[in-house]
């Protein structure tokens, strides 16, 4: 007798569950439509020429006297799809002490660079009067934000 009650109870639970699932399926409505847009991308590329055909891989500053400055002209292109501003950083100095006697700077005016635009830029490297190094290397980072 107990088994019969369990079977009836299980059938009742299954019937209620099936009814709820069917009711939900009947009461559900869907609408589908397309979506388009663009993902904002930021990027810069650096070249030796205004036509952006000769990419900069490294800058050779040559021999710089203490208490003097060397300059290099580069062209920076906004390769993203949104206007950007730039920042400049020098890092990974070898020897580490070179960071104390070398100063990397540029003539960038902090203006927004529009997508696909190219701007001429001058980088400068100043060597302090008390520079006690004979050779150096470091990484130049030009980053885009906006």
Protein backbone atom coordinates (compact mmCIF):
# COMPACT_ATOMS: atom_id res chain seq x y z
CA UNK A 1 0.00 0.00 0.00
CA UNK A 2 2.85 2.33 0.83
CA UNK A 3 4.37 1.68 -2.57
CA UNK A 4 1.12 2.67 -4.24
CA UNK A 5 1.05 5.99 -2.36
CA UNK A 6 4.67 6.68 -3.35
CA UNK A 7 3.89 5.91 -6.99
CA UNK A 8 0.82 8.18 -6.94
CA UNK A 9 2.82 10.94 -5.25
CA UNK A 10 5.61 10.65 -7.82
CA UNK A 11 3.08 10.73 -10.67
CA UNK A 12 1.48 13.82 -9.17
CA UNK A 13 4.86 15.58 -8.84
CA UNK A 14 5.80 14.67 -12.42
CA UNK A 15 2.43 15.91 -13.71
CA UNK A 16 2.78 19.23 -11.87
CA UNK A 17 6.36 19.69 -13.13
CA UNK A 18 5.35 18.90 -16.71
CA UNK A 19 2.43 21.33 -16.47
CA UNK A 20 4.69 24.12 -15.17
CA UNK A 21 7.26 23.53 -17.91
CA UNK A 22 4.55 23.50 -20.58
CA UNK A 23 2.97 26.66 -19.15
CA UNK A 24 6.32 28.44 -19.16
CA UNK A 25 6.94 27.42 -22.77
CA UNK A 26 3.52 28.66 -23.81
CA UNK A 27 3.88 31.94 -21.89
CA UNK A 28 7.35 32.75 -23.25
CA UNK A 29 7.87 35.24 -26.08
CA UNK A 30 11.11 35.95 -27.94
CA UNK A 31 12.28 38.75 -30.16
CA UNK A 32 15.56 38.68 -32.08
CA UNK A 33 17.30 41.63 -33.72
CA UNK A 34 20.80 42.36 -34.99
CA UNK A 35 23.42 44.46 -33.27
CA UNK A 36 26.33 46.35 -34.78
CA UNK A 37 29.08 48.55 -33.40
CA UNK A 38 32.79 48.90 -33.05
CA UNK A 39 35.17 48.10 -30.24
CA UNK A 40 37.38 51.03 -29.37
CA UNK A 41 40.99 50.26 -30.20
CA UNK A 42 44.05 52.26 -29.29
CA UNK A 43 47.42 51.98 -30.91
CA UNK A 44 50.41 53.87 -32.19
CA UNK A 45 53.08 53.09 -34.71
CA UNK A 46 56.42 54.89 -35.03
CA UNK A 47 58.24 55.55 -38.31
CA UNK A 48 61.30 57.35 -39.63
CA UNK A 49 59.36 58.87 -42.52
CA UNK A 50 56.16 60.86 -42.97
CA UNK A 51 54.72 58.25 -45.38
CA UNK A 52 55.01 55.58 -42.67
CA UNK A 53 57.00 53.11 -44.74
CA UNK A 54 60.12 52.72 -42.57
CA UNK A 55 59.20 51.57 -39.04
CA UNK A 56 61.43 52.49 -36.12
CA UNK A 57 62.84 49.39 -34.45
CA UNK A 58 65.61 51.11 -32.48
CA UNK A 59 67.15 54.55 -32.12
CA UNK A 60 70.92 54.89 -32.25
CA UNK A 61 71.82 58.05 -30.37
CA UNK A 62 75.47 57.85 -31.41
CA UNK A 63 78.15 59.38 -29.21
CA UNK A 64 76.80 62.17 -26.99
CA UNK A 65 79.10 64.43 -25.02
CA UNK A 66 78.33 65.05 -21.34
CA UNK A 67 76.24 68.20 -20.84
CA UNK A 68 74.80 67.98 -24.35
CA UNK A 69 71.71 66.73 -26.16
CA UNK A 70 71.06 64.58 -29.22
CA UNK A 71 67.82 64.77 -31.24
CA UNK A 72 65.97 62.35 -33.53
CA UNK A 73 62.88 63.07 -35.64
CA UNK A 74 60.20 60.40 -35.79
CA UNK A 75 56.63 60.18 -37.09
CA UNK A 76 53.89 58.73 -34.93
CA UNK A 77 50.70 57.34 -36.47
CA UNK A 78 47.50 56.63 -34.59
CA UNK A 79 46.68 53.10 -35.78
CA UNK A 80 43.51 52.80 -33.70
CA UNK A 81 39.95 53.85 -34.43
CA UNK A 82 39.66 56.51 -31.73
CA UNK A 83 41.47 59.74 -30.90
CA UNK A 84 44.42 59.25 -28.54
CA UNK A 85 46.87 61.15 -26.41
CA UNK A 86 50.38 59.88 -25.81
CA UNK A 87 52.84 59.50 -22.99
CA UNK A 88 56.55 58.80 -23.11
CA UNK A 89 58.61 56.69 -20.77
CA UNK A 90 62.18 55.41 -20.66
CA UNK A 91 62.78 52.15 -18.84
CA UNK A 92 65.13 49.16 -18.46
CA UNK A 93 68.33 51.22 -18.34
CA UNK A 94 71.66 49.42 -18.73
CA UNK A 95 73.59 50.21 -16.70
CA UNK A 96 70.97 51.09 -14.09
CA UNK A 97 72.93 54.24 -13.19
CA UNK A 98 72.24 55.61 -16.70
CA UNK A 99 68.73 56.51 -15.51
CA UNK A 100 70.30 59.15 -13.25
CA UNK A 101 72.28 60.91 -16.00
CA UNK A 102 70.09 60.52 -19.11
CA UNK A 103 66.89 62.48 -19.74
CA UNK A 104 64.57 61.45 -22.59
CA UNK A 105 62.05 64.09 -23.71
CA UNK A 106 59.94 65.12 -26.71
CA UNK A 107 58.19 68.08 -28.29
CA UNK A 108 54.71 66.52 -28.25
CA UNK A 109 52.11 69.09 -27.16
CA UNK A 110 49.69 66.59 -25.52
CA UNK A 111 47.09 67.17 -28.24
CA UNK A 112 44.68 64.46 -29.36
CA UNK A 113 45.83 62.50 -32.40
CA UNK A 114 42.92 61.46 -34.58
CA UNK A 115 42.65 57.95 -36.10
CA UNK A 116 45.07 57.33 -38.98
CA UNK A 117 46.70 60.74 -38.43
CA UNK A 118 50.48 61.09 -38.50
CA UNK A 119 52.38 63.66 -36.46
CA UNK A 120 56.02 64.68 -36.64
CA UNK A 121 57.77 64.46 -33.32
CA UNK A 122 61.27 65.20 -32.10
CA UNK A 123 62.79 63.06 -29.36
CA UNK A 124 65.70 64.42 -27.38
CA UNK A 125 68.21 62.71 -25.14
CA UNK A 126 70.12 64.94 -22.75
CA UNK A 127 73.24 63.70 -20.99
CA UNK A 128 74.11 65.22 -17.63
CA UNK A 129 77.44 66.94 -17.07
CA UNK A 130 78.40 64.39 -14.42
CA UNK A 131 77.66 61.35 -16.62
CA UNK A 132 80.05 58.59 -15.60
CA UNK A 133 78.98 56.02 -18.20
CA UNK A 134 80.61 55.14 -21.52
CA UNK A 135 77.73 53.24 -23.12
CA UNK A 136 74.06 52.69 -22.39
CA UNK A 137 70.83 51.20 -23.58
CA UNK A 138 67.21 51.63 -22.56
CA UNK A 139 63.72 51.01 -23.88
CA UNK A 140 61.53 53.85 -25.13
CA UNK A 141 57.82 53.40 -24.53
CA UNK A 142 55.27 55.55 -26.35
CA UNK A 143 51.82 54.62 -25.11
CA UNK A 144 48.37 55.73 -26.27
CA UNK A 145 45.45 56.50 -24.00
CA UNK A 146 42.07 58.05 -24.57
